């Protein structure tokens, strides 16, 4: 396996990084997060023009047919710059679920709008304090006349408050099914909020919501859904690794310039050892990320591989973030520096789709 980016992938990565450096510095990002919307439609449309929204989807669905390595190449800069826009929510979760629909279905029409940036899609999946395994889904859909009736509650729906279409995971006659539901339908209650890392999410309740038959995307969606979640986990981990890299660089620079007793604190043995541990944690996490990416692109990834990646990234990311804050001291916990924000992004990504503790236990079960 080749664990390096191709020339084309490196060019893609460089172009995304250059765009973010120019248009999405920390101050600009904070202004976007603190706005009423919490994200920038201008940036979103620029992503569409750059082809980033089309990248994850197959060419026969109107996309660019990008590989997971292509997506990792852009997800790392997204994490380093603390992207607040709904890329993971709309492209990797909601959009990926819409792509499972057959040609000519309403869901396929929504996918076209997601690719062009005209619509935001959100996957209503998580329930309770966390639903890492699809077998834990409790939301239910029952047949009602020529359509269906949906009941249940979804929590931590990334982009849920801004979504033009919700892809809801629910049980239909015992099997997991996917439905494309418009959020304005009667019986749907949406409670939007900001997450600890500055993104927008929502808790959504469905009270015997009547949905038409054509809203069904896939009736027996268990295996397909796991594939969507696995690729989303890879994207989340790539974001976290990008955030880890930014933390490592900023902490090393700070330690080299911050002086105590007339010398840089990087010369102190305790700080030097901490920086070395941070470097090792980042290297291990990124190596695991690139290895798992190669496995997915070659069709060789197993549930154990995905669990190792999510567990390692969450555990190592938390340790690296805590070390970065400790090295910066009290200023590392303030909103004025990106250090605390990067740490929060790592923690938030860890909590989604099963945290490190859950996935490391899963590795033990699958061993």
Foldseek 3Di string as FASTA:
>chain_A
DDLDDDPVLLVLLVVLLVCCVVQQAQVNLVVCLPDPVLADLVVLQVCLVVLVLQQVDDVVLVGDPHALSSLLSNLLSCLQSLHQDCNLFFRLAFLLLLNLFDPPFVSSVVNVCSSNSNFGEWEQQADDLGDLASLPAAWAWEDDVQWIWTFDKGPFTFCVVVGQWYWYWHAYPRATWTFIHGQVFPQKDWAWDAAPLSYIGIMIGGDRTTDHHSRTRGNHCRVVNVVSVLSSLLSLLSSLLSLLVSLLVVLVVQQQPDDDPRHRNCPPPVLVVLSVLSVVLSVVLVVLSSVQSVCVRVVNDDLLSSLCNLLSSLVSSLSSLVSSDVSVDPVLCDPVDCSVSSSSSSNVSQSHSHHNVRSVVVNVVVD
